[in-house]
């Protein structure tokens, strides 16, 4: 193997986090290489956030499937990364195509060529989890990547998983005419969030014709003369033309050679990082950001971690604070959560004060002719501070941002209760719960 160039920093993975770190270092005068085997830009602009939100928008506008696909493909640049590569070049980043594998401290191999590096930043993202269901490996599957990039509209679609991705794609395909069934073993949608949020969304999906099979597992899958049949643990069956697996994702950590740097890698688990996003190992000079850490599971969280890592790489200490990173499901209605959920509070032993409000009581609900939804706010009784919130309602991703700021800034409840909201807005719905919490704390 030939020794090529020595870089001040090598970034493994050119997704949301990798792009930001690489371009930031290069603009600061560092000699940087970005290693990417697929598309520069990662999942978000081509196979995740952008296409899913585009299809959801087209569904709300009542467009045809053909129009929706054309709009989606235009927004994703037809999944060509030439503009992203050009932006990297303008910033002074060298893009190395291929998979990177660490050989030893300070040396990484990319497609048979060895490069030297000072700092290493791991931003390799995550990959879909395929559940170990009998027969599943023998039938054609979609993950979210295929579901958000192909032009096909299945007549019968079964979705495995009732998390954010499964719920968004259930709404997309149901809106465009697919017969959709969603299977979730836990018994409710969005299990990590407040129960009411999943209930509001379940009602919305059922009204669109989605067949929700909650509390059931897939026993096995078999081919039929036409299509597929899924046998459920509750004795039921589902027939499908396509199965979409949305059962979560796991950090992409294998095959990177990180063990050569003394970094213990466990399949399915994230790379451990400290509050500065430096990898906790003896090697030093190794950083990680994004899905690969197991902490940042959204594009905006990956961007935040990348900014923290970049600042520290440039010698400006910054510590990550994950207390107020939003979690959003962009369905109609939107589900927005931030901070601690009731389930997390139970696990952490936090005594929560809870106050809620139905959006139907707002004037904005009457104006919109849509009374669906609710907001709940959670305060730590011992500290008298807001620590979490959840909302299900139209445009919740917009009007709940002030709550994320309040949690991050530890704004006193009595001050929050004195904030005036414009009329008529959904934002007014937080006023009564804030007054209640302020009075009880």
Protein backbone atom coordinates (compact mmCIF):
# COMPACT_ATOMS: atom_id res chain seq x y z
CA UNK A 1 0.00 0.00 0.00
CA UNK A 2 1.26 3.43 -0.88
CA UNK A 3 1.41 6.29 1.60
CA UNK A 4 -0.44 9.28 0.24
CA UNK A 5 -1.09 12.62 1.95
CA UNK A 6 -0.94 13.54 5.64
CA UNK A 7 -3.98 15.54 6.78
CA UNK A 8 -4.45 17.60 9.89
CA UNK A 9 -7.79 15.82 10.28
CA UNK A 10 -9.65 12.98 8.60
CA UNK A 11 -13.44 12.81 8.92
CA UNK A 12 -14.98 9.38 8.41
CA UNK A 13 -18.50 9.84 7.05
CA UNK A 14 -19.89 12.73 5.02
CA UNK A 15 -23.37 13.08 6.46
CA UNK A 16 -24.85 15.99 8.41
CA UNK A 17 -22.20 15.91 11.14
CA UNK A 18 -19.24 15.02 8.94
CA UNK A 19 -19.92 17.78 6.43
CA UNK A 20 -20.18 20.42 9.14
CA UNK A 21 -16.99 19.36 10.93
CA UNK A 22 -14.94 19.01 7.74
CA UNK A 23 -15.99 22.35 6.26
CA UNK A 24 -15.55 24.14 9.59
CA UNK A 25 -12.03 22.81 10.05
CA UNK A 26 -11.07 23.63 6.46
CA UNK A 27 -12.38 27.20 6.73
CA UNK A 28 -10.24 27.54 9.86
CA UNK A 29 -7.15 26.69 7.81
CA UNK A 30 -6.82 22.97 8.59
CA UNK A 31 -5.92 20.44 5.90
CA UNK A 32 -8.93 18.10 5.96
CA UNK A 33 -10.07 14.95 4.16
CA UNK A 34 -13.69 13.77 4.19
CA UNK A 35 -14.13 10.03 3.57
CA UNK A 36 -17.50 8.92 2.16
CA UNK A 37 -18.43 5.72 0.33
CA UNK A 38 -21.95 6.76 -0.68
CA UNK A 39 -23.35 10.27 -1.05
CA UNK A 40 -21.79 13.37 0.49
CA UNK A 41 -24.58 14.83 2.59
CA UNK A 42 -25.59 11.50 4.14
CA UNK A 43 -29.10 10.17 4.69
CA UNK A 44 -30.93 13.37 5.61
CA UNK A 45 -31.07 15.23 2.26
CA UNK A 46 -31.49 12.16 0.05
CA UNK A 47 -33.20 9.34 1.94
CA UNK A 48 -34.66 10.74 5.17
CA UNK A 49 -35.64 14.21 6.39
CA UNK A 50 -36.00 16.10 3.10
CA UNK A 51 -37.88 13.49 1.03
CA UNK A 52 -40.18 12.47 3.89
CA UNK A 53 -41.18 16.06 4.63
CA UNK A 54 -41.66 16.70 0.93
CA UNK A 55 -44.03 13.73 0.58
CA UNK A 56 -45.94 14.72 3.72
CA UNK A 57 -46.35 18.23 2.30
CA UNK A 58 -47.55 16.86 -1.03
CA UNK A 59 -50.05 14.66 0.80
CA UNK A 60 -51.45 17.67 2.69
CA UNK A 61 -51.77 19.56 -0.60
CA UNK A 62 -53.67 16.73 -2.24
CA UNK A 63 -51.15 16.21 -5.04
CA UNK A 64 -51.05 13.05 -7.14
CA UNK A 65 -48.39 10.46 -6.40
CA UNK A 66 -46.61 11.30 -9.64
CA UNK A 67 -46.49 15.00 -8.74
CA UNK A 68 -45.32 14.17 -5.22
CA UNK A 69 -42.49 11.94 -6.48
CA UNK A 70 -41.37 14.58 -8.98
CA UNK A 71 -41.32 17.23 -6.25
CA UNK A 72 -39.47 14.91 -3.85
CA UNK A 73 -36.84 14.00 -6.42
CA UNK A 74 -36.30 17.64 -7.37
CA UNK A 75 -35.76 18.62 -3.73
CA UNK A 76 -33.27 15.80 -3.22
CA UNK A 77 -31.33 16.77 -6.34
CA UNK A 78 -32.32 13.36 -7.75
CA UNK A 79 -29.92 11.91 -5.21
CA UNK A 80 -26.82 13.32 -6.87
CA UNK A 81 -24.21 14.79 -4.54
CA UNK A 82 -22.29 16.93 -7.05
CA UNK A 83 -23.42 20.21 -5.40
CA UNK A 84 -22.40 18.93 -1.94
CA UNK A 85 -18.99 17.82 -3.22
CA UNK A 86 -18.53 21.19 -4.90
CA UNK A 87 -19.32 22.98 -1.62
CA UNK A 88 -16.72 20.88 0.15
CA UNK A 89 -14.15 21.73 -2.49
CA UNK A 90 -14.93 25.44 -2.20
CA UNK A 91 -14.29 25.20 1.54
CA UNK A 92 -10.98 23.45 0.91
CA UNK A 93 -12.00 19.92 1.90
CA UNK A 94 -10.55 16.93 0.03
CA UNK A 95 -13.25 14.32 -0.59
CA UNK A 96 -11.98 10.74 -0.61
CA UNK A 97 -14.45 8.26 -2.12
CA UNK A 98 -14.60 4.87 -0.41
CA UNK A 99 -14.66 3.24 3.00
CA UNK A 100 -12.11 4.32 5.57
CA UNK A 101 -10.40 1.86 7.91
CA UNK A 102 -7.90 2.79 10.61
CA UNK A 103 -4.68 0.79 10.38
CA UNK A 104 -2.94 2.25 13.43
CA UNK A 105 -2.79 5.59 15.25
CA UNK A 106 -2.28 8.30 12.63
CA UNK A 107 -2.89 6.10 9.56
CA UNK A 108 -6.12 5.32 7.70
CA UNK A 109 -6.67 3.31 4.55
CA UNK A 110 -9.18 4.39 1.90
CA UNK A 111 -9.59 2.07 -1.08
CA UNK A 112 -6.05 0.72 -0.85
CA UNK A 113 -4.36 4.09 -0.28
CA UNK A 114 -2.98 4.97 3.15
CA UNK A 115 -3.33 8.51 4.45
CA UNK A 116 -1.88 10.07 7.58
CA UNK A 117 -3.93 12.10 10.03
CA UNK A 118 -3.58 14.16 13.16
CA UNK A 119 -7.17 14.17 14.44
CA UNK A 120 -9.82 11.61 13.51
CA UNK A 121 -13.53 12.46 13.56
CA UNK A 122 -15.97 9.57 13.26
CA UNK A 123 -19.33 10.53 11.72
CA UNK A 124 -20.38 7.28 10.06
CA UNK A 125 -24.05 7.56 11.04
CA UNK A 126 -26.41 4.65 11.52
CA UNK A 127 -28.07 1.82 9.62
CA UNK A 128 -31.51 0.20 9.75
CA UNK A 129 -32.15 -2.70 12.11
CA UNK A 130 -33.74 -5.73 10.45
CA UNK A 131 -35.63 -7.80 13.06
CA UNK A 132 -34.89 -11.54 13.22
CA UNK A 133 -38.24 -12.71 11.83
CA UNK A 134 -38.49 -16.12 10.17
CA UNK A 135 -38.73 -15.71 6.40
CA UNK A 136 -38.07 -11.96 6.42
CA UNK A 137 -34.62 -12.34 4.88
CA UNK A 138 -36.11 -14.26 1.94
CA UNK A 139 -38.58 -11.63 0.77
CA UNK A 140 -38.02 -8.21 -0.83
CA UNK A 141 -37.90 -5.52 1.85
CA UNK A 142 -37.91 -1.77 2.00
CA UNK A 143 -36.20 0.30 4.63
CA UNK A 144 -36.96 4.01 4.86
CA UNK A 145 -34.23 4.61 2.26
CA UNK A 146 -36.10 2.71 -0.43
CA UNK A 147 -39.51 3.99 0.68
CA UNK A 148 -38.31 7.58 0.26
CA UNK A 149 -36.49 7.20 -3.04
CA UNK A 150 -38.29 4.74 -5.33
CA UNK A 151 -41.24 5.68 -7.59
CA UNK A 152 -43.35 2.64 -6.61
CA UNK A 153 -46.70 2.96 -4.84
CA UNK A 154 -47.54 -0.46 -3.35
CA UNK A 155 -51.17 -1.51 -3.35
CA UNK A 156 -50.73 -3.22 0.06
CA UNK A 157 -47.96 -2.06 2.40
CA UNK A 158 -47.15 -3.50 5.84
CA UNK A 159 -44.92 -1.37 8.06
CA UNK A 160 -42.98 -2.96 10.92
CA UNK A 161 -42.47 -0.39 13.68
CA UNK A 162 -44.57 2.34 15.25
CA UNK A 163 -41.84 4.89 15.90
CA UNK A 164 -41.43 8.26 14.17
CA UNK A 165 -40.34 6.80 10.82
CA UNK A 166 -43.05 4.16 10.72
CA UNK A 167 -45.76 6.67 11.58
CA UNK A 168 -44.63 9.25 9.03
CA UNK A 169 -44.42 6.70 6.24
CA UNK A 170 -47.76 5.15 7.19
CA UNK A 171 -49.38 8.55 6.74
CA UNK A 172 -47.55 9.20 3.46
CA UNK A 173 -48.51 5.96 1.78
CA UNK A 174 -52.07 5.90 3.13
CA UNK A 175 -52.59 9.43 1.84
CA UNK A 176 -51.62 8.38 -1.67
CA UNK A 177 -53.86 5.34 -1.76
CA UNK A 178 -51.89 2.38 -0.44
CA UNK A 179 -53.67 -0.05 1.86
CA UNK A 180 -51.41 0.34 4.89
CA UNK A 181 -51.10 -1.84 7.98
CA UNK A 182 -48.68 -0.97 10.79
CA UNK A 183 -47.45 -3.58 13.27
CA UNK A 184 -46.03 -2.44 16.64
CA UNK A 185 -45.35 -4.99 19.37
CA UNK A 186 -45.34 -2.58 22.31
CA UNK A 187 -49.07 -1.93 22.25
CA UNK A 188 -48.91 1.77 21.36
CA UNK A 189 -47.27 4.18 18.97
CA UNK A 190 -44.28 6.34 19.91
CA UNK A 191 -43.48 4.33 23.02
CA UNK A 192 -40.67 6.65 24.12
CA UNK A 193 -43.02 9.61 24.40
CA UNK A 194 -46.01 10.62 26.53
CA UNK A 195 -48.91 8.15 25.99
CA UNK A 196 -51.35 10.82 24.83
CA UNK A 197 -49.13 11.72 21.87
CA UNK A 198 -49.26 8.21 20.46
CA UNK A 199 -53.01 8.07 21.07
CA UNK A 200 -53.66 11.28 19.13
CA UNK A 201 -51.51 10.05 16.26
CA UNK A 202 -53.11 6.60 16.30
CA UNK A 203 -56.54 8.18 15.95
CA UNK A 204 -55.32 10.30 13.02
CA UNK A 205 -53.85 7.26 11.23
CA UNK A 206 -56.96 5.15 11.77
CA UNK A 207 -59.09 7.94 10.29
CA UNK A 208 -56.92 7.70 7.16
CA UNK A 209 -57.59 3.96 6.93
CA UNK A 210 -54.35 2.65 8.42
CA UNK A 211 -54.83 -0.76 10.02
CA UNK A 212 -52.97 -0.54 13.34
CA UNK A 213 -51.93 -3.89 14.79
CA UNK A 214 -50.69 -2.86 18.23
CA UNK A 215 -49.41 -5.38 20.75
CA UNK A 216 -48.58 -7.98 18.12
CA UNK A 217 -45.30 -9.37 16.81
CA UNK A 218 -44.52 -10.81 13.40
CA UNK A 219 -44.21 -14.59 13.75
CA UNK A 220 -43.06 -15.38 10.23
CA UNK A 221 -43.32 -14.24 6.63
CA UNK A 222 -43.97 -16.37 3.56
CA UNK A 223 -44.34 -15.82 -0.15
CA UNK A 224 -47.66 -16.42 -1.86
CA UNK A 225 -48.46 -16.80 -5.55
CA UNK A 226 -49.18 -13.07 -5.46
CA UNK A 227 -47.54 -11.02 -2.75
CA UNK A 228 -46.60 -11.93 0.81
CA UNK A 229 -48.35 -13.16 3.94
CA UNK A 230 -47.35 -12.18 7.48
CA UNK A 231 -48.39 -14.31 10.44
CA UNK A 232 -48.86 -12.37 13.67
CA UNK A 233 -48.30 -13.51 17.24
CA UNK A 234 -51.96 -12.81 18.08
CA UNK A 235 -53.08 -15.33 15.43
CA UNK A 236 -53.93 -12.74 12.82
CA UNK A 237 -52.52 -12.46 9.30
CA UNK A 238 -51.70 -9.63 6.92
CA UNK A 239 -51.23 -9.79 3.17
CA UNK A 240 -48.82 -7.39 1.53
CA UNK A 241 -47.15 -6.53 -1.73
CA UNK A 242 -44.29 -4.87 0.13
CA UNK A 243 -42.90 -4.88 3.67
CA UNK A 244 -41.31 -1.74 5.05
CA UNK A 245 -39.00 -2.25 8.03
CA UNK A 246 -38.97 0.77 10.36
CA UNK A 247 -37.83 -1.00 13.51
CA UNK A 248 -35.12 1.47 14.49
CA UNK A 249 -31.52 2.11 13.55
CA UNK A 250 -28.17 1.26 15.09
CA UNK A 251 -24.83 3.13 15.03
CA UNK A 252 -22.55 2.16 12.14
CA UNK A 253 -19.38 1.23 14.03
CA UNK A 254 -18.14 -2.03 12.54
CA UNK A 255 -15.29 -2.35 10.07
CA UNK A 256 -13.75 1.03 10.91
CA UNK A 257 -10.65 -0.34 12.64
CA UNK A 258 -11.33 1.68 15.78
CA UNK A 259 -9.97 -1.14 17.92
CA UNK A 260 -6.52 -0.17 16.56
CA UNK A 261 -6.95 3.05 18.54
CA UNK A 262 -7.96 1.27 21.74
CA UNK A 263 -11.63 2.10 21.24
CA UNK A 264 -13.96 -0.70 22.31
CA UNK A 265 -16.70 -1.14 19.72
CA UNK A 266 -19.86 -3.13 20.47
CA UNK A 267 -22.15 -3.91 17.51
CA UNK A 268 -25.40 -2.02 17.87
CA UNK A 269 -24.04 0.44 20.43
CA UNK A 270 -22.69 3.91 19.92
CA UNK A 271 -19.13 5.13 20.27
CA UNK A 272 -18.79 6.55 23.80
CA UNK A 273 -17.97 10.26 23.88
CA UNK A 274 -17.53 12.78 26.67
CA UNK A 275 -19.23 16.16 26.99
CA UNK A 276 -16.85 17.66 24.38
CA UNK A 277 -17.63 14.87 21.86
CA UNK A 278 -14.15 13.42 22.27
CA UNK A 279 -14.07 9.63 22.24
CA UNK A 280 -13.36 8.20 25.67
CA UNK A 281 -10.24 6.16 24.94
CA UNK A 282 -6.52 6.28 25.63
CA UNK A 283 -5.57 7.24 22.08
CA UNK A 284 -6.52 10.93 22.17
CA UNK A 285 -7.31 13.00 19.13
CA UNK A 286 -10.42 10.96 18.26
CA UNK A 287 -13.84 12.57 18.13
CA UNK A 288 -17.33 11.47 17.12
CA UNK A 289 -20.61 13.18 16.29
CA UNK A 290 -24.04 12.23 15.02
CA UNK A 291 -25.91 8.92 15.00
CA UNK A 292 -22.71 6.94 15.50
CA UNK A 293 -22.54 8.13 19.12
CA UNK A 294 -25.96 6.66 19.91
CA UNK A 295 -26.91 10.02 21.46
CA UNK A 296 -27.78 12.17 18.45
CA UNK A 297 -30.60 10.39 16.64
CA UNK A 298 -31.85 13.27 14.48
CA UNK A 299 -30.26 15.55 11.92
CA UNK A 300 -30.53 18.58 14.20
CA UNK A 301 -28.97 16.68 17.11
CA UNK A 302 -26.15 15.52 14.82
CA UNK A 303 -25.58 19.11 13.74
CA UNK A 304 -25.42 20.20 17.37
CA UNK A 305 -22.87 17.54 18.28
CA UNK A 306 -20.82 18.47 15.21
CA UNK A 307 -20.73 22.09 16.31
CA UNK A 308 -19.58 21.03 19.77
CA UNK A 309 -16.86 18.77 18.34
CA UNK A 310 -15.72 21.45 15.88
CA UNK A 311 -15.41 24.07 18.58
CA UNK A 312 -13.25 21.78 20.71
CA UNK A 313 -11.13 20.68 17.75
CA UNK A 314 -10.35 24.35 17.17
CA UNK A 315 -9.31 24.81 20.79
CA UNK A 316 -12.45 26.50 22.12
CA UNK A 317 -13.88 24.34 24.89
CA UNK A 318 -17.59 23.71 24.59
CA UNK A 319 -19.68 21.12 26.38
CA UNK A 320 -22.79 19.49 24.93
CA UNK A 321 -26.07 19.80 26.79
CA UNK A 322 -28.76 17.41 25.60
CA UNK A 323 -31.55 18.48 27.95
CA UNK A 324 -33.58 20.37 25.36
CA UNK A 325 -33.12 18.76 21.94
CA UNK A 326 -36.53 18.43 20.25
CA UNK A 327 -37.93 15.14 18.97
CA UNK A 328 -40.46 15.67 16.19
CA UNK A 329 -42.77 13.45 14.16
CA UNK A 330 -43.86 15.52 11.16
CA UNK A 331 -47.24 13.89 10.66
CA UNK A 332 -50.55 15.75 10.65
CA UNK A 333 -50.99 16.48 13.49
CA UNK A 334 -47.35 16.95 14.43
CA UNK A 335 -45.98 15.28 17.55
CA UNK A 336 -43.32 17.36 19.34
CA UNK A 337 -41.43 16.32 22.46
CA UNK A 338 -38.52 17.90 24.27
CA UNK A 339 -36.66 17.22 27.49
CA UNK A 340 -37.67 14.43 29.85
CA UNK A 341 -40.66 12.23 29.06
CA UNK A 342 -42.83 10.73 31.81
CA UNK A 343 -41.21 7.33 31.19
CA UNK A 344 -37.72 8.79 31.54
CA UNK A 345 -38.77 10.57 34.72
CA UNK A 346 -39.87 7.25 36.23
CA UNK A 347 -36.56 5.63 35.25
CA UNK A 348 -34.56 8.53 36.72
CA UNK A 349 -36.67 8.79 39.88
CA UNK A 350 -37.72 12.38 39.17
CA UNK A 351 -40.92 13.54 40.84
CA UNK A 352 -42.79 15.26 38.02
CA UNK A 353 -45.52 17.84 38.21
CA UNK A 354 -47.72 17.52 35.13
CA UNK A 355 -50.16 20.02 33.66
CA UNK A 356 -51.96 19.79 30.31
CA UNK A 357 -54.35 21.58 27.99
CA UNK A 358 -56.51 20.41 25.09
CA UNK A 359 -55.98 22.39 21.89
CA UNK A 360 -59.72 22.29 21.24
CA UNK A 361 -60.06 25.01 23.89
CA UNK A 362 -58.03 27.50 21.83
CA UNK A 363 -59.57 29.96 19.38
CA UNK A 364 -56.97 28.88 16.83
CA UNK A 365 -58.47 25.37 16.78
CA UNK A 366 -61.83 26.86 15.79
CA UNK A 367 -60.17 28.97 13.09
CA UNK A 368 -58.34 25.94 11.70
CA UNK A 369 -61.47 23.76 12.03
CA UNK A 370 -59.25 21.15 13.67
CA UNK A 371 -59.68 20.38 17.37
CA UNK A 372 -57.21 17.49 17.56
CA UNK A 373 -54.38 17.59 20.01
CA UNK A 374 -53.09 18.39 23.43
CA UNK A 375 -50.03 19.80 25.16
CA UNK A 376 -48.50 18.59 28.42
CA UNK A 377 -45.74 20.30 30.42
CA UNK A 378 -43.55 18.57 33.00
CA UNK A 379 -41.76 20.27 35.90
CA UNK A 380 -39.31 18.87 38.42
CA UNK A 381 -41.14 19.33 41.74
CA UNK A 382 -37.94 19.58 43.77
CA UNK A 383 -36.32 22.24 41.55
CA UNK A 384 -39.40 24.14 40.40
CA UNK A 385 -38.19 24.12 36.78
CA UNK A 386 -39.65 22.95 33.51
CA UNK A 387 -37.81 19.77 32.41
CA UNK A 388 -39.96 18.32 29.65
CA UNK A 389 -42.95 18.77 27.39
CA UNK A 390 -44.96 17.04 24.71
CA UNK A 391 -47.52 18.28 22.22
CA UNK A 392 -49.63 16.75 19.49
CA UNK A 393 -51.25 19.29 17.20
CA UNK A 394 -51.01 21.27 14.00
CA UNK A 395 -47.71 23.14 13.58
CA UNK A 396 -46.48 22.04 17.01
CA UNK A 397 -42.91 21.99 15.68
CA UNK A 398 -43.16 25.79 15.39
CA UNK A 399 -45.06 26.99 18.46
CA UNK A 400 -43.36 24.67 20.96
CA UNK A 401 -39.86 26.07 20.36
CA UNK A 402 -40.23 28.50 23.27
CA UNK A 403 -40.59 25.52 25.60
CA UNK A 404 -37.29 24.07 24.39
CA UNK A 405 -35.65 27.43 25.12
CA UNK A 406 -37.26 27.57 28.56
CA UNK A 407 -35.92 24.13 29.46
CA UNK A 408 -32.44 24.90 28.15
CA UNK A 409 -32.28 28.28 29.89
CA UNK A 410 -33.89 27.01 33.11
CA UNK A 411 -36.32 29.91 32.99
CA UNK A 412 -38.33 30.22 36.24
CA UNK A 413 -41.91 29.03 35.96
CA UNK A 414 -43.31 32.28 37.28
CA UNK A 415 -41.57 34.20 34.50
CA UNK A 416 -42.82 31.74 31.86
CA UNK A 417 -46.35 32.10 33.19
CA UNK A 418 -46.13 35.85 32.59
CA UNK A 419 -45.32 35.54 28.87
CA UNK A 420 -48.03 36.90 26.54
CA UNK A 421 -48.86 35.03 23.33
CA UNK A 422 -50.46 36.45 20.21
CA UNK A 423 -54.16 35.76 19.65
CA UNK A 424 -55.32 33.50 18.11
CA UNK A 425 -52.43 31.02 18.18
CA UNK A 426 -51.84 27.50 19.40
CA UNK A 427 -49.05 28.99 21.52
CA UNK A 428 -51.72 30.23 23.92
CA UNK A 429 -52.28 26.61 24.95
CA UNK A 430 -49.16 26.63 27.15
CA UNK A 431 -50.34 29.55 29.29
CA UNK A 432 -52.78 27.70 31.55
CA UNK A 433 -50.43 24.74 32.21
CA UNK A 434 -47.58 27.15 33.02
CA UNK A 435 -49.75 29.05 35.48
CA UNK A 436 -50.81 25.79 37.08
CA UNK A 437 -47.22 24.56 37.42
CA UNK A 438 -46.07 27.91 38.77
CA UNK A 439 -48.78 27.81 41.41
CA UNK A 440 -48.02 24.22 42.44
CA UNK A 441 -44.23 24.38 42.53
